[in-house]
């Protein structure tokens, strides 16, 4: 077992330190021995009437190639044992869309029986998902239907590559999109993403090539990207669309990052970037050629839980401190428009653990640009709370406050059924400052029924409001709703999002000419 292996290693290192303190020579650290990869199929094949069905499905499915899993490993035979590398490899594997779970198990080997392991063998166990699926998503939000239909393959030929094509009709427009993603371009650690979209009110192109940090020990990262878009951005007042702004733009990014300090559970990283932004919004023009520098501090303090968002699948939550700050400068000499423009962003987040399955994560961020005055400035303060009552029963809470200052014309803060204030119509409240507080009890009642789907139920209370520009903040303005929901998910099938939910919300605080009842059918169950 992985836990036993890590515990044995910790005991070994503690003994080594104690012996060293007594003046004896240090014992050599164990190294990694054999590395075994065990890839499990999508479906188990139980004895019984449905065994033939599951067996046939597994034969049709193309399993993930072993070399694809091995390329994700952050360790190799002969390397000194590093628990953080083993754990980060496990987290990286779980983050892949074509795997539903992964385990990295360390097994100490004491060949000569002296009580000290000479090596540690590693067993990497993965479980595939059914990656070729219809891309179907239907959301009913306040009587308006958002739907999506298409097909996606998240593990093409077992190589981990994704291709997808779909049509989507949402609250603002219809979109026909094709996408290709390769997380291991030509067998490297570079990831390629490209997409093209035809919109009912424009078009969109996107391209990126990235080499991210895969672990705290990684020394560098790189990204280059470009894109263009054309659309009409809607503006709202009292839940009604009052105008649309023509919005055209193109952008480009080139960024290089370097880790300047690395410790066992933290890293300090620096980046430099050049970014271009050319946008036309209504009658406004924005041209920026930005040289940007930034710094980021990352700490790893993960906790693993099941039955939060993804039902029985394992999820990783980082309670470590994360901080960042960036400053950018745009001038005509750098490729920008007239005048000097400074952009800045900063943020910090940290988790506090109160016990097993009981924690709070708080974060704060500010962003804006200076053009003789601060414009499009936004401050965000947020807290997320989770408490497990039992394995399948938990309480989650969220509080989020946003404050906008001199926002760009196309930027609005919105609240309604689609953004967390269930019980009120879509985009009912619009303005420049918003507050949302919600609490939800979840019960996961059935896992992996027929190896196809899982079920849960929820009860929630939401309270929030958005204050228009110039209107003073008052907690008496908050609108409150209560409701219940049905949660449906599947970890063996590739779904849009973590699952789907059906919510019925009731507005405790009424709004004139608006029904108190709102029915939502959608795919957002994220904590």
Protein backbone atom coordinates (compact mmCIF):
# COMPACT_ATOMS: atom_id res chain seq x y z
CA UNK A 1 0.00 0.00 0.00
CA UNK A 2 1.19 3.49 -0.84
CA UNK A 3 0.43 4.84 2.65
CA UNK A 4 2.42 2.05 4.33
CA UNK A 5 5.32 2.60 1.96
CA UNK A 6 5.50 6.33 2.63
CA UNK A 7 5.20 5.74 6.39
CA UNK A 8 8.08 3.25 6.27
CA UNK A 9 10.23 5.77 4.41
CA UNK A 10 9.46 8.49 6.96
CA UNK A 11 10.49 6.14 9.79
CA UNK A 12 13.66 5.25 7.93
CA UNK A 13 14.71 8.88 7.49
CA UNK A 14 13.92 9.63 11.15
CA UNK A 15 16.18 6.77 12.26
CA UNK A 16 18.93 7.97 9.92
CA UNK A 17 18.82 11.49 11.38
CA UNK A 18 18.93 10.13 14.95
CA UNK A 19 21.97 7.95 14.20
CA UNK A 20 23.74 10.88 12.54
CA UNK A 21 23.15 13.01 15.62
CA UNK A 22 25.01 10.42 17.69
CA UNK A 23 28.08 10.86 15.50
CA UNK A 24 27.64 7.78 13.35
CA UNK A 25 27.89 7.91 9.55
CA UNK A 26 24.69 8.58 7.61
CA UNK A 27 22.98 5.66 5.95
CA UNK A 28 22.51 5.99 2.19
CA UNK A 29 19.05 7.04 1.03
CA UNK A 30 17.09 4.35 -0.80
CA UNK A 31 16.62 4.74 -4.52
CA UNK A 32 13.76 3.84 -6.79
CA UNK A 33 13.97 0.30 -8.14
CA UNK A 34 11.48 -1.18 -10.56
CA UNK A 35 8.55 0.86 -11.84
CA UNK A 36 5.45 -1.13 -12.75
CA UNK A 37 2.48 0.39 -14.59
CA UNK A 38 -0.88 -1.34 -14.15
CA UNK A 39 -3.59 0.03 -16.45
CA UNK A 40 -7.15 -0.98 -15.60
CA UNK A 41 -9.95 -1.07 -18.14
CA UNK A 42 -13.05 1.13 -18.05
CA UNK A 43 -15.42 -1.53 -16.74
CA UNK A 44 -14.97 -4.33 -14.24
CA UNK A 45 -16.07 -7.71 -15.58
CA UNK A 46 -18.15 -9.34 -12.84
CA UNK A 47 -19.53 -12.82 -13.10
CA UNK A 48 -23.20 -12.75 -14.02
CA UNK A 49 -25.58 -11.81 -16.77
CA UNK A 50 -23.98 -8.47 -17.72
CA UNK A 51 -20.38 -9.69 -17.84
CA UNK A 52 -20.54 -10.15 -21.62
CA UNK A 53 -21.69 -6.56 -22.10
CA UNK A 54 -18.84 -5.11 -20.01
CA UNK A 55 -16.33 -7.42 -21.66
CA UNK A 56 -17.44 -6.32 -25.13
CA UNK A 57 -17.27 -2.65 -24.13
CA UNK A 58 -13.72 -3.09 -22.84
CA UNK A 59 -12.67 -4.76 -26.08
CA UNK A 60 -14.08 -1.91 -28.14
CA UNK A 61 -12.34 0.68 -25.99
CA UNK A 62 -8.69 1.39 -26.85
CA UNK A 63 -6.74 1.37 -23.59
CA UNK A 64 -4.26 4.10 -22.70
CA UNK A 65 -0.80 3.14 -23.94
CA UNK A 66 1.69 2.40 -21.19
CA UNK A 67 4.22 4.84 -22.66
CA UNK A 68 1.69 7.67 -22.29
CA UNK A 69 1.46 6.98 -18.55
CA UNK A 70 5.23 6.62 -18.20
CA UNK A 71 5.80 10.03 -19.81
CA UNK A 72 3.84 11.59 -16.96
CA UNK A 73 6.11 10.11 -14.28
CA UNK A 74 8.29 12.59 -12.40
CA UNK A 75 10.77 9.92 -11.31
CA UNK A 76 12.90 7.18 -12.85
CA UNK A 77 14.72 4.05 -11.77
CA UNK A 78 17.82 5.02 -9.79
CA UNK A 79 16.45 8.35 -8.55
CA UNK A 80 16.50 9.04 -4.79
CA UNK A 81 13.06 8.50 -3.29
CA UNK A 82 11.10 11.76 -3.03
CA UNK A 83 7.59 11.50 -1.54
CA UNK A 84 6.53 14.83 -3.09
CA UNK A 85 7.44 13.60 -6.58
CA UNK A 86 5.41 10.43 -6.09
CA UNK A 87 2.40 12.35 -4.79
CA UNK A 88 2.60 15.01 -7.53
CA UNK A 89 2.76 12.30 -10.19
CA UNK A 90 -0.42 10.82 -8.75
CA UNK A 91 -2.15 14.22 -8.82
CA UNK A 92 -0.99 14.90 -12.38
CA UNK A 93 -2.35 11.55 -13.55
CA UNK A 94 -5.69 12.14 -11.86
CA UNK A 95 -5.96 15.50 -13.64
CA UNK A 96 -5.89 13.82 -17.07
CA UNK A 97 -9.36 13.76 -18.62
CA UNK A 98 -8.99 10.19 -19.93
CA UNK A 99 -8.24 8.71 -16.48
CA UNK A 100 -10.87 8.45 -13.77
CA UNK A 101 -8.36 7.73 -11.01
CA UNK A 102 -4.71 6.92 -10.34
CA UNK A 103 -2.55 5.62 -7.51
CA UNK A 104 1.23 5.66 -7.05
CA UNK A 105 2.25 3.04 -4.48
CA UNK A 106 5.72 2.87 -2.92
CA UNK A 107 6.95 -0.55 -1.70
CA UNK A 108 10.23 -0.55 0.31
CA UNK A 109 12.46 -3.57 -0.42
CA UNK A 110 14.89 -4.87 2.24
CA UNK A 111 16.86 -7.53 0.37
CA UNK A 112 19.43 -8.36 3.07
CA UNK A 113 17.04 -8.26 6.02
CA UNK A 114 18.99 -5.65 8.00
CA UNK A 115 15.89 -3.52 8.56
CA UNK A 116 16.99 -0.80 6.13
CA UNK A 117 15.43 -0.71 2.63
CA UNK A 118 17.98 -0.61 -0.18
CA UNK A 119 15.44 0.40 -2.78
CA UNK A 120 11.79 1.28 -3.20
CA UNK A 121 9.77 -0.32 -5.99
CA UNK A 122 6.94 1.82 -7.38
CA UNK A 123 3.61 0.59 -8.69
CA UNK A 124 1.57 3.03 -10.80
CA UNK A 125 -2.10 2.02 -11.09
CA UNK A 126 -4.53 3.83 -13.41
CA UNK A 127 -8.17 3.45 -14.42
CA UNK A 128 -9.40 4.52 -17.86
CA UNK A 129 -12.62 6.33 -18.69
CA UNK A 130 -14.81 5.64 -21.73
CA UNK A 131 -13.37 8.43 -23.84
CA UNK A 132 -15.47 8.35 -27.05
CA UNK A 133 -18.80 9.87 -26.07
CA UNK A 134 -21.61 11.95 -27.48
CA UNK A 135 -21.15 15.49 -26.22
CA UNK A 136 -24.65 16.19 -24.93
CA UNK A 137 -25.47 18.89 -22.41
CA UNK A 138 -28.87 20.42 -21.74
CA UNK A 139 -29.46 23.18 -19.22
CA UNK A 140 -32.80 24.75 -18.46
CA UNK A 141 -32.24 28.14 -16.83
CA UNK A 142 -35.32 30.17 -15.92
CA UNK A 143 -37.29 28.89 -18.90
CA UNK A 144 -34.39 29.38 -21.31
CA UNK A 145 -32.69 26.34 -22.78
CA UNK A 146 -28.94 26.02 -23.13
CA UNK A 147 -28.00 22.94 -25.11
CA UNK A 148 -24.96 21.34 -26.64
CA UNK A 149 -24.61 18.41 -29.03
CA UNK A 150 -21.55 16.88 -30.61
CA UNK A 151 -18.93 14.20 -30.17
CA UNK A 152 -15.59 14.08 -28.37
CA UNK A 153 -12.73 11.61 -28.10
CA UNK A 154 -10.49 12.35 -25.11
CA UNK A 155 -8.01 9.52 -25.64
CA UNK A 156 -7.52 9.14 -29.39
CA UNK A 157 -6.05 5.69 -30.15
CA UNK A 158 -5.01 5.45 -26.49
CA UNK A 159 -2.51 8.30 -26.98
CA UNK A 160 -4.14 10.84 -24.65
CA UNK A 161 -4.99 13.27 -27.46
CA UNK A 162 -8.40 14.95 -27.67
CA UNK A 163 -10.54 15.83 -30.68
CA UNK A 164 -14.03 17.25 -30.44
CA UNK A 165 -16.69 18.93 -32.54
CA UNK A 166 -19.94 20.34 -31.19
CA UNK A 167 -22.77 22.82 -31.57
CA UNK A 168 -23.84 24.92 -28.58
CA UNK A 169 -26.74 27.29 -28.07
CA UNK A 170 -26.40 29.36 -24.90
CA UNK A 171 -27.89 32.54 -23.48
CA UNK A 172 -25.89 34.84 -25.77
CA UNK A 173 -25.23 33.02 -29.06
CA UNK A 174 -24.91 29.78 -30.96
CA UNK A 175 -21.47 28.30 -31.53
CA UNK A 176 -20.08 25.60 -33.81
CA UNK A 177 -16.62 24.59 -32.59
CA UNK A 178 -13.87 22.10 -33.39
CA UNK A 179 -11.01 21.47 -30.97
CA UNK A 180 -7.75 19.52 -30.86
CA UNK A 181 -5.59 19.03 -27.77
CA UNK A 182 -2.33 17.11 -27.45
CA UNK A 183 -0.88 17.08 -23.90
CA UNK A 184 2.33 15.35 -25.05
CA UNK A 185 3.20 16.92 -28.39
CA UNK A 186 5.56 14.62 -30.30
CA UNK A 187 6.25 12.72 -27.08
CA UNK A 188 7.44 15.85 -25.26
CA UNK A 189 6.16 17.72 -22.21
CA UNK A 190 4.74 20.46 -24.44
CA UNK A 191 0.96 20.70 -24.72
CA UNK A 192 -0.80 21.94 -27.87
CA UNK A 193 -4.36 23.26 -27.99
CA UNK A 194 -6.10 24.65 -31.08
CA UNK A 195 -9.73 25.47 -31.78
CA UNK A 196 -11.87 27.18 -34.41
CA UNK A 197 -15.42 28.40 -33.86
CA UNK A 198 -18.16 29.92 -35.97
CA UNK A 199 -20.48 32.08 -33.86
CA UNK A 200 -23.93 33.36 -34.72
CA UNK A 201 -22.55 36.86 -34.11
CA UNK A 202 -18.92 36.39 -35.16
CA UNK A 203 -16.07 33.89 -35.02
CA UNK A 204 -13.20 32.77 -32.81
CA UNK A 205 -9.73 31.25 -33.28
CA UNK A 206 -7.44 29.99 -30.50
CA UNK A 207 -3.94 28.47 -30.40
CA UNK A 208 -1.56 27.75 -27.54
CA UNK A 209 1.65 25.82 -27.00
CA UNK A 210 2.65 25.44 -23.35
CA UNK A 211 5.22 23.70 -21.23
CA UNK A 212 3.92 24.18 -17.66
CA UNK A 213 5.54 23.39 -14.34
CA UNK A 214 4.81 19.72 -13.66
CA UNK A 215 6.25 19.68 -10.14
CA UNK A 216 7.84 21.91 -7.54
CA UNK A 217 11.25 20.76 -8.77
CA UNK A 218 10.68 21.91 -12.35
CA UNK A 219 13.06 24.76 -13.16
CA UNK A 220 11.29 26.40 -16.09
CA UNK A 221 8.01 26.87 -17.95
CA UNK A 222 7.11 28.32 -21.35
CA UNK A 223 4.00 29.31 -23.26
CA UNK A 224 3.11 30.94 -26.56
CA UNK A 225 -0.41 31.64 -27.72
CA UNK A 226 -2.47 33.66 -30.18
CA UNK A 227 -6.09 34.16 -31.04
CA UNK A 228 -8.77 36.37 -32.52
CA UNK A 229 -12.49 36.83 -31.96
CA UNK A 230 -15.52 38.77 -33.09
CA UNK A 231 -18.82 38.83 -31.18
CA UNK A 232 -21.54 41.05 -29.74
CA UNK A 233 -21.44 41.38 -25.94
CA UNK A 234 -24.87 41.79 -24.26
CA UNK A 235 -25.61 44.35 -21.55
CA UNK A 236 -28.31 43.80 -18.91
CA UNK A 237 -30.55 45.76 -16.58
CA UNK A 238 -33.16 44.26 -14.22
CA UNK A 239 -32.77 40.88 -15.90
CA UNK A 240 -33.43 42.23 -19.41
CA UNK A 241 -30.98 42.65 -22.25
CA UNK A 242 -30.84 46.36 -23.10
CA UNK A 243 -28.04 46.54 -25.67
CA UNK A 244 -25.22 44.71 -27.44
CA UNK A 245 -21.71 45.97 -28.09
CA UNK A 246 -19.75 44.85 -31.13
CA UNK A 247 -16.48 43.42 -29.79
CA UNK A 248 -13.56 42.49 -32.06
CA UNK A 249 -10.07 41.63 -30.98
CA UNK A 250 -6.86 39.72 -31.43
CA UNK A 251 -4.17 38.80 -28.95
CA UNK A 252 -0.78 37.18 -28.62
CA UNK A 253 1.28 35.95 -25.66
CA UNK A 254 4.89 34.87 -25.21
CA UNK A 255 5.92 33.92 -21.68
CA UNK A 256 8.94 32.33 -20.03
CA UNK A 257 9.02 31.27 -16.37
CA UNK A 258 11.90 30.32 -14.12
CA UNK A 259 11.87 28.76 -10.67
CA UNK A 260 14.29 30.76 -8.52
CA UNK A 261 13.84 28.87 -5.26
CA UNK A 262 12.73 25.29 -4.69
CA UNK A 263 12.02 23.56 -1.40
CA UNK A 264 10.47 20.16 -0.64
CA UNK A 265 6.91 21.53 -0.45
CA UNK A 266 7.16 25.01 -2.00
CA UNK A 267 8.65 26.99 -4.86
CA UNK A 268 9.20 30.62 -5.82
CA UNK A 269 8.81 31.36 -9.53
CA UNK A 270 9.50 34.37 -11.72
CA UNK A 271 8.18 35.06 -15.21
CA UNK A 272 8.66 37.60 -17.98
CA UNK A 273 6.19 37.97 -20.85
CA UNK A 274 5.29 40.03 -23.87
CA UNK A 275 1.57 40.35 -24.63
CA UNK A 276 -0.33 42.12 -27.39
CA UNK A 277 -3.98 43.13 -27.19
CA UNK A 278 -5.93 44.85 -29.97
CA UNK A 279 -9.63 45.33 -29.28
CA UNK A 280 -12.52 47.34 -30.72
CA UNK A 281 -15.53 47.58 -28.38
CA UNK A 282 -18.31 49.74 -29.75
CA UNK A 283 -16.59 53.07 -30.41
CA UNK A 284 -13.69 52.35 -28.02
CA UNK A 285 -10.25 51.23 -29.19
CA UNK A 286 -7.67 49.47 -27.02
CA UNK A 287 -4.19 48.65 -28.33
CA UNK A 288 -1.61 47.32 -25.90
CA UNK A 289 1.92 46.00 -26.34
CA UNK A 290 2.74 44.84 -22.83
CA UNK A 291 6.03 43.84 -21.26
CA UNK A 292 5.13 42.01 -18.06
CA UNK A 293 7.10 40.68 -15.12
CA UNK A 294 5.67 38.61 -12.30
CA UNK A 295 6.44 36.46 -9.32
CA UNK A 296 4.51 33.56 -7.80
CA UNK A 297 4.94 31.60 -4.58
CA UNK A 298 3.48 28.07 -4.54
CA UNK A 299 3.06 25.78 -1.54
CA UNK A 300 1.78 22.20 -1.66
CA UNK A 301 -0.37 21.00 1.23
CA UNK A 302 -2.89 18.69 -0.35
CA UNK A 303 -5.76 16.74 1.11
CA UNK A 304 -7.55 13.95 -0.75
CA UNK A 305 -11.30 13.44 -0.57
CA UNK A 306 -14.06 11.58 -2.37
CA UNK A 307 -17.74 12.52 -2.67
CA UNK A 308 -17.32 16.27 -3.09
CA UNK A 309 -17.85 17.07 -6.78
CA UNK A 310 -17.02 13.83 -8.57
CA UNK A 311 -18.89 11.31 -6.45
CA UNK A 312 -16.67 8.27 -5.69
CA UNK A 313 -13.62 9.59 -7.61
CA UNK A 314 -10.65 10.97 -5.66
CA UNK A 315 -10.17 14.75 -5.72
CA UNK A 316 -7.16 16.79 -4.58
CA UNK A 317 -7.56 20.05 -2.65
CA UNK A 318 -4.53 22.26 -2.01
CA UNK A 319 -4.58 24.08 1.34
CA UNK A 320 -1.11 25.54 0.83
CA UNK A 321 -0.45 29.26 0.49
CA UNK A 322 -0.41 30.64 -3.07
CA UNK A 323 0.64 34.23 -3.81
CA UNK A 324 1.33 36.09 -7.03
CA UNK A 325 1.95 39.58 -8.35
CA UNK A 326 2.42 40.94 -11.88
CA UNK A 327 3.15 44.36 -13.36
CA UNK A 328 2.95 45.22 -17.06
CA UNK A 329 3.82 48.30 -19.11
CA UNK A 330 2.49 49.27 -22.54
CA UNK A 331 3.92 52.17 -24.58
CA UNK A 332 4.05 53.05 -28.31
CA UNK A 333 7.68 51.92 -28.36
CA UNK A 334 6.59 48.49 -27.14
CA UNK A 335 3.92 48.15 -29.81
CA UNK A 336 1.01 49.65 -27.90
CA UNK A 337 -1.27 52.55 -28.72
CA UNK A 338 -0.83 56.15 -27.68
CA UNK A 339 0.04 56.88 -24.09
CA UNK A 340 1.53 54.91 -21.26
CA UNK A 341 -0.61 52.14 -19.73
CA UNK A 342 0.33 50.18 -16.64
CA UNK A 343 -1.42 46.94 -15.70
CA UNK A 344 -1.17 45.20 -12.35
CA UNK A 345 -2.55 42.10 -10.66
CA UNK A 346 -1.98 40.43 -7.30
CA UNK A 347 -3.56 37.66 -5.31
CA UNK A 348 -3.22 35.36 -2.33
CA UNK A 349 -4.99 32.20 -1.20
CA UNK A 350 -4.56 29.91 1.76
CA UNK A 351 -6.38 26.99 3.33
CA UNK A 352 -6.93 26.22 6.99
CA UNK A 353 -7.57 22.63 8.09
CA UNK A 354 -9.73 22.13 11.16
CA UNK A 355 -9.57 18.34 10.99
CA UNK A 356 -9.94 15.47 8.52
CA UNK A 357 -12.40 16.47 5.81
CA UNK A 358 -12.94 19.88 7.39
CA UNK A 359 -11.29 23.00 5.97
CA UNK A 360 -11.64 26.58 4.77
CA UNK A 361 -9.93 28.10 1.73
CA UNK A 362 -9.82 31.89 1.47
CA UNK A 363 -8.46 33.93 -1.39
CA UNK A 364 -8.25 37.54 -2.48
CA UNK A 365 -7.25 39.10 -5.80
CA UNK A 366 -7.03 42.55 -7.39
CA UNK A 367 -6.53 43.43 -11.06
CA UNK A 368 -6.68 46.62 -13.10
CA UNK A 369 -4.89 49.00 -15.43
CA UNK A 370 -3.78 52.61 -15.09
CA UNK A 371 -4.32 55.09 -17.95
CA UNK A 372 -3.97 58.34 -16.03
CA UNK A 373 -6.54 56.82 -13.66
CA UNK A 374 -7.37 53.27 -12.62
CA UNK A 375 -9.85 51.59 -14.97
CA UNK A 376 -11.40 48.13 -15.22
CA UNK A 377 -10.22 47.49 -11.67
CA UNK A 378 -11.75 44.53 -9.88
CA UNK A 379 -11.25 43.31 -6.32
CA UNK A 380 -12.33 39.80 -5.35
CA UNK A 381 -12.57 38.33 -1.85
CA UNK A 382 -13.80 34.76 -1.50
CA UNK A 383 -14.02 31.98 1.06
CA UNK A 384 -14.97 28.33 0.49
CA UNK A 385 -15.84 26.02 3.36
CA UNK A 386 -16.16 22.24 3.45
CA UNK A 387 -17.08 19.90 6.28
CA UNK A 388 -17.54 16.16 5.90
CA UNK A 389 -20.20 14.76 8.22
CA UNK A 390 -19.63 11.29 6.80
CA UNK A 391 -18.04 9.81 3.68
CA UNK A 392 -21.15 10.51 1.58
CA UNK A 393 -22.54 13.52 3.45
CA UNK A 394 -21.03 17.00 3.57
CA UNK A 395 -21.71 20.68 4.01
CA UNK A 396 -20.18 23.17 1.59
CA UNK A 397 -20.35 26.93 1.82
CA UNK A 398 -19.18 29.88 -0.23
CA UNK A 399 -18.98 33.62 0.27
CA UNK A 400 -17.83 35.88 -2.57
CA UNK A 401 -17.60 39.65 -2.80
CA UNK A 402 -16.57 41.58 -5.94
CA UNK A 403 -15.97 45.30 -6.26
CA UNK A 404 -15.56 46.86 -9.70
CA UNK A 405 -14.18 50.34 -10.34
CA UNK A 406 -14.47 52.15 -13.68
CA UNK A 407 -15.26 48.90 -15.44
CA UNK A 408 -14.99 48.67 -19.22
CA UNK A 409 -18.34 49.10 -21.03
CA UNK A 410 -18.69 45.39 -21.86
CA UNK A 411 -17.90 44.24 -18.30
CA UNK A 412 -20.77 43.70 -15.85
CA UNK A 413 -21.09 41.81 -12.60
CA UNK A 414 -24.17 39.58 -12.90
CA UNK A 415 -26.13 37.37 -10.53
CA UNK A 416 -28.99 35.01 -11.18
CA UNK A 417 -29.81 31.36 -11.65
CA UNK A 418 -26.83 30.78 -13.96
CA UNK A 419 -24.27 32.29 -11.55
CA UNK A 420 -25.18 30.88 -8.16
CA UNK A 421 -28.24 32.83 -7.00
CA UNK A 422 -30.70 30.01 -7.59
CA UNK A 423 -34.35 30.99 -7.25
CA UNK A 424 -34.00 34.13 -9.38
CA UNK A 425 -34.08 34.54 -13.16
CA UNK A 426 -30.99 34.51 -15.32
CA UNK A 427 -28.85 37.66 -14.92
CA UNK A 428 -31.57 39.28 -12.84
CA UNK A 429 -29.15 41.59 -11.04
CA UNK A 430 -26.39 43.62 -12.74
CA UNK A 431 -23.99 46.26 -11.51
CA UNK A 432 -20.46 46.96 -10.32
CA UNK A 433 -20.39 45.36 -6.84
CA UNK A 434 -21.74 41.95 -5.93
CA UNK A 435 -22.09 39.71 -2.90
CA UNK A 436 -23.07 36.04 -2.92
CA UNK A 437 -23.31 33.75 0.10
CA UNK A 438 -24.47 30.15 -0.22
CA UNK A 439 -24.58 26.93 1.78
CA UNK A 440 -25.40 23.46 0.52
CA UNK A 441 -25.81 20.06 2.14
CA UNK A 442 -25.02 17.12 -0.16
CA UNK A 443 -25.89 13.46 0.26
CA UNK A 444 -24.36 10.97 -2.20
CA UNK A 445 -26.86 8.14 -2.13
CA UNK A 446 -25.65 5.70 -4.82
CA UNK A 447 -22.21 5.12 -6.35
CA UNK A 448 -21.46 3.62 -9.75
CA UNK A 449 -24.90 2.10 -10.34
CA UNK A 450 -24.50 -0.51 -13.07
CA UNK A 451 -20.98 0.93 -13.55
CA UNK A 452 -22.66 3.79 -15.41
CA UNK A 453 -23.93 6.55 -13.11
CA UNK A 454 -23.94 7.84 -9.53
CA UNK A 455 -26.68 9.75 -7.71
CA UNK A 456 -26.86 12.42 -5.04
CA UNK A 457 -29.27 14.97 -3.60
CA UNK A 458 -28.72 18.47 -2.24
CA UNK A 459 -30.49 21.18 -0.27
CA UNK A 460 -29.28 24.77 -0.54
CA UNK A 461 -29.78 28.37 0.52
CA UNK A 462 -28.37 31.29 -1.50
CA UNK A 463 -28.34 34.98 -0.69
CA UNK A 464 -26.90 37.75 -2.84
CA UNK A 465 -27.27 40.99 -4.73
CA UNK A 466 -25.51 43.24 -7.24
CA UNK A 467 -25.41 46.98 -6.63
CA UNK A 468 -25.44 49.32 -9.66
CA UNK A 469 -22.88 52.11 -9.99
CA UNK A 470 -23.58 54.93 -7.53
CA UNK A 471 -25.90 52.91 -5.29
CA UNK A 472 -24.75 52.42 -1.69
CA UNK A 473 -24.23 48.92 -0.33
CA UNK A 474 -26.79 47.62 2.13
CA UNK A 475 -27.22 44.08 3.41
CA UNK A 476 -30.96 44.69 3.47
CA UNK A 477 -30.85 44.52 -0.35
CA UNK A 478 -29.80 40.87 -0.32
CA UNK A 479 -32.17 38.46 -2.07
CA UNK A 480 -32.50 34.98 -0.58
CA UNK A 481 -33.56 31.70 -2.16
CA UNK A 482 -33.83 28.10 -0.95
CA UNK A 483 -34.11 24.89 -2.92
CA UNK A 484 -33.29 21.26 -3.53
CA UNK A 485 -31.32 19.49 -6.25
CA UNK A 486 -30.68 16.11 -7.83
CA UNK A 487 -27.04 15.30 -8.73
CA UNK A 488 -26.09 12.79 -11.43
CA UNK A 489 -22.56 11.86 -12.47
CA UNK A 490 -20.40 9.17 -14.02
CA UNK A 491 -16.68 8.65 -13.58
CA UNK A 492 -16.44 5.84 -16.13
CA UNK A 493 -17.85 8.02 -18.93
CA UNK A 494 -16.38 11.31 -20.15
CA UNK A 495 -19.03 13.92 -19.40
CA UNK A 496 -19.21 17.68 -19.90
CA UNK A 497 -18.18 18.96 -16.47
CA UNK A 498 -18.24 16.82 -13.33
CA UNK A 499 -21.87 15.80 -13.80
CA UNK A 500 -25.34 17.26 -14.15
CA UNK A 501 -27.85 18.58 -11.65
CA UNK A 502 -31.52 19.49 -11.55
CA UNK A 503 -32.33 22.32 -9.13
CA UNK A 504 -35.63 23.76 -7.98
CA UNK A 505 -35.20 27.17 -6.34
CA UNK A 506 -37.73 29.31 -4.48
CA UNK A 507 -37.21 33.05 -3.98
CA UNK A 508 -37.84 33.86 -0.32
CA UNK A 509 -37.35 37.55 -1.09
CA UNK A 510 -39.67 38.38 -3.97
CA UNK A 511 -38.91 40.60 -6.97
CA UNK A 512 -41.67 42.52 -8.75
CA UNK A 513 -43.14 40.81 -11.83
CA UNK A 514 -40.85 37.80 -11.38
CA UNK A 515 -41.92 34.27 -10.45
CA UNK A 516 -40.67 32.94 -7.13
CA UNK A 517 -39.98 29.50 -8.66
CA UNK A 518 -36.99 28.80 -10.90
CA UNK A 519 -36.11 25.39 -12.39
CA UNK A 520 -32.50 24.84 -13.46
CA UNK A 521 -31.08 21.84 -15.28
CA UNK A 522 -27.35 22.15 -15.81
CA UNK A 523 -23.85 20.77 -15.42
CA UNK A 524 -22.25 22.89 -12.68
CA UNK A 525 -21.81 21.07 -9.36
CA UNK A 526 -18.32 22.37 -8.59
CA UNK A 527 -17.41 23.15 -4.98
